[in-house]
C-alpha atoms as a PDB file:
ATOM      1  CA  MET A   1       0.273   0.021   0.457  1.00  0.00           C
ATOM      2  CA  THR A   2       1.197   3.465  -0.282  1.00  0.00           C
ATOM      3  CA  THR A   3       1.603   5.690   2.086  1.00  0.00           C
ATOM      4  CA  ALA A   4      -0.454   8.821   3.198  1.00  0.00           C
ATOM      5  CA  LEU A   5       2.871  10.552   2.488  1.00  0.00           C
ATOM      6  CA  THR A   6       3.741   9.804  -0.979  1.00  0.00           C
ATOM      7  CA  LYS A   7       0.056   9.989  -1.527  1.00  0.00           C
ATOM      8  CA  SER A   8       0.350  13.499  -0.108  1.00  0.00           C
ATOM      9  CA  VAL A   9       3.661  14.427  -2.119  1.00  0.00           C
ATOM     10  CA  PHE A  10       1.754  13.431  -5.209  1.00  0.00           C
ATOM     11  CA  ALA A  11      -1.463  14.982  -4.742  1.00  0.00           C
ATOM     12  CA  GLY A  12      -0.569  17.766  -6.924  1.00  0.00           C
ATOM     13  CA  LEU A  13       1.063  16.489  -9.653  1.00  0.00           C
ATOM     14  CA  THR A  14      -1.748  16.184 -13.163  1.00  0.00           C
ATOM     15  CA  PRO A  15      -1.940  15.183 -16.345  1.00  0.00           C
ATOM     16  CA  ASP A  16      -0.896  18.486 -17.762  1.00  0.00           C
ATOM     17  CA  LYS A  17       2.118  18.830 -15.058  1.00  0.00           C
ATOM     18  CA  PHE A  18       3.451  15.742 -15.867  1.00  0.00           C
ATOM     19  CA  CYS A  19       6.648  14.375 -18.411  1.00  0.00           C
ATOM     20  CA  THR A  20       8.694  11.317 -19.092  1.00  0.00           C
ATOM     21  CA  GLY A  21      12.574  11.352 -20.329  1.00  0.00           C
ATOM     22  CA  SER A  22      13.509  14.329 -18.172  1.00  0.00           C
ATOM     23  CA  LEU A  23      13.548  15.422 -14.481  1.00  0.00           C
ATOM     24  CA  ALA A  24      11.516  18.253 -15.629  1.00  0.00           C
ATOM     25  CA  ARG A  25      11.128  20.366 -18.393  1.00  0.00           C
ATOM     26  CA  ASP A  26      10.482  23.993 -19.223  1.00  0.00           C
ATOM     27  CA  ILE A  27       7.554  25.754 -21.100  1.00  0.00           C
ATOM     28  CA  ASP A  28       9.003  25.046 -24.376  1.00  0.00           C
ATOM     29  CA  GLY A  29      10.231  21.217 -23.751  1.00  0.00           C
ATOM     30  CA  ARG A  30      14.014  21.530 -22.680  1.00  0.00           C
ATOM     31  CA  LYS A  31      15.453  19.843 -20.138  1.00  0.00           C
ATOM     32  CA  VAL A  32      15.999  21.436 -16.918  1.00  0.00           C
ATOM     33  CA  PHE A  33      16.621  20.543 -13.021  1.00  0.00           C
ATOM     34  CA  PRO A  34      13.300  19.947 -10.847  1.00  0.00           C
ATOM     35  CA  GLU A  35      13.865  23.064  -9.188  1.00  0.00           C
ATOM     36  CA  ASP A  36      14.668  25.434 -11.902  1.00  0.00           C
ATOM     37  CA  PRO A  37      11.494  27.921 -11.633  1.00  0.00           C
ATOM     38  CA  THR A  38      10.990  27.819 -14.998  1.00  0.00           C
ATOM     39  CA  ALA A  39      10.462  24.422 -14.991  1.00  0.00           C
ATOM     40  CA  VAL A  40       6.180  23.735 -16.430  1.00  0.00           C
ATOM     41  CA  LYS A  41       6.637  19.631 -15.838  1.00  0.00           C
ATOM     42  CA  TRP A  42       7.824  17.035 -14.499  1.00  0.00           C
ATOM     43  CA  CYS A  43       8.735  13.167 -13.817  1.00  0.00           C
ATOM     44  CA  ALA A  44       7.519  10.913 -11.026  1.00  0.00           C
ATOM     45  CA  PHE A  45      11.104  11.311  -9.531  1.00  0.00           C
ATOM     46  CA  GLY A  46      11.741  15.358 -10.478  1.00  0.00           C
ATOM     47  CA  TRP A  47       8.404  15.913  -8.454  1.00  0.00           C
ATOM     48  CA  ILE A  48       9.831  14.064  -5.542  1.00  0.00           C
ATOM     49  CA  LEU A  49      13.082  16.688  -5.263  1.00  0.00           C
ATOM     50  CA  ARG A  50      10.958  19.483  -5.782  1.00  0.00           C
ATOM     51  CA  TYR A  51      10.062  19.003  -2.465  1.00  0.00           C
ATOM     52  CA  THR A  52      11.864  19.653   0.599  1.00  0.00           C
ATOM     53  CA  LEU A  53      12.273  16.185   1.864  1.00  0.00           C
ATOM     54  CA  THR A  54      13.982  14.905   4.929  1.00  0.00           C
ATOM     55  CA  GLU A  55      16.398  11.929   3.717  1.00  0.00           C
ATOM     56  CA  ILE A  56      14.119   9.515   5.514  1.00  0.00           C
ATOM     57  CA  GLU A  57      11.173  10.967   3.971  1.00  0.00           C
ATOM     58  CA  LEU A  58      12.570  10.469   0.371  1.00  0.00           C
ATOM     59  CA  TYR A  59      13.977   6.902   1.020  1.00  0.00           C
ATOM     60  CA  ALA A  60      10.015   5.830   2.353  1.00  0.00           C
ATOM     61  CA  VAL A  61       8.560   7.793  -0.891  1.00  0.00           C
ATOM     62  CA  ILE A  62      11.157   5.810  -3.851  1.00  0.00           C
ATOM     63  CA  LYS A  63      10.779   2.701  -1.663  1.00  0.00           C
ATOM     64  CA  ASP A  64       7.169   3.022  -1.761  1.00  0.00           C
ATOM     65  CA  LEU A  65       7.380   3.900  -5.345  1.00  0.00           C
ATOM     66  CA  ASP A  66       9.527   0.517  -5.573  1.00  0.00           C
ATOM     67  CA  LYS A  67       6.705  -1.471  -4.431  1.00  0.00           C
ATOM     68  CA  LEU A  68       3.866  -0.573  -6.424  1.00  0.00           C
ATOM     69  CA  ALA A  69       6.029  -0.526  -9.849  1.00  0.00           C
ATOM     70  CA  ASN A  70       6.662  -4.126  -9.015  1.00  0.00           C
ATOM     71  CA  ILE A  71       3.241  -5.220  -8.242  1.00  0.00           C
ATOM     72  CA  LEU A  72       2.481  -3.469 -10.981  1.00  0.00           C
ATOM     73  CA  GLY A  73       5.108  -5.573 -12.875  1.00  0.00           C
ATOM     74  CA  TYR A  74       8.244  -3.676 -13.708  1.00  0.00           C
ATOM     75  CA  PRO A  75      11.378  -3.702 -12.022  1.00  0.00           C
ATOM     76  CA  GLN A  76      11.709  -0.920 -10.243  1.00  0.00           C
ATOM     77  CA  ALA A  77       9.490   2.687 -10.203  1.00  0.00           C
ATOM     78  CA  THR A  78      11.819   4.400 -12.836  1.00  0.00           C
ATOM     79  CA  PHE A  79      10.798   1.733 -15.316  1.00  0.00           C
ATOM     80  CA  ALA A  80       6.878   2.714 -14.573  1.00  0.00           C
ATOM     81  CA  ASN A  81       7.239   5.910 -14.999  1.00  0.00           C
ATOM     82  CA  ASP A  82       8.924   6.043 -18.201  1.00  0.00           C
ATOM     83  CA  GLN A  83       7.094   3.638 -20.022  1.00  0.00           C
ATOM     84  CA  MET A  84       2.709   4.116 -18.102  1.00  0.00           C
ATOM     85  CA  GLY A  85       3.502   7.697 -17.819  1.00  0.00           C
ATOM     86  CA  TYR A  86       1.192   9.601 -16.188  1.00  0.00           C
ATOM     87  CA  LYS A  87      -0.882   6.461 -15.359  1.00  0.00           C
ATOM     88  CA  PHE A  88       1.444   5.507 -12.594  1.00  0.00           C
ATOM     89  CA  ILE A  89       1.150   8.458 -11.012  1.00  0.00           C
ATOM     90  CA  GLU A  90      -2.897   7.998 -11.377  1.00  0.00           C
ATOM     91  CA  THR A  91      -2.557   4.613  -9.726  1.00  0.00           C
ATOM     92  CA  ILE A  92      -0.341   6.739  -6.956  1.00  0.00           C
ATOM     93  CA  ASN A  93      -3.114   9.526  -6.628  1.00  0.00           C
ATOM     94  CA  ASN A  94      -6.523   7.084  -6.658  1.00  0.00           C
ATOM     95  CA  GLY A  95      -4.926   4.855  -3.662  1.00  0.00           C
ATOM     96  CA  ASP A  96      -4.873   1.878  -6.299  1.00  0.00           C
ATOM     97  CA  GLY A  97      -1.470   1.276  -4.456  1.00  0.00           C
END
């Protein structure tokens, strides 16, 4: 099951803010750092990096993502993020994980 922390982190990541192939992208689709003020889209991992999480919280969220990816048939969350796209995030936001 996905923890409350992970659900709260991803609650604001909507389809229009999601990307793959880069941690973050600007309005022109260029790759930027997740914390860059010009970033307008993020992958799951870029979205996490936007937050000020403690090391323990960061580890817990990534562990949740990997567990969910395994349940969905992927070896780790990076594969689920890139291959499922936003559906991976929907699984978290819908409480399906």
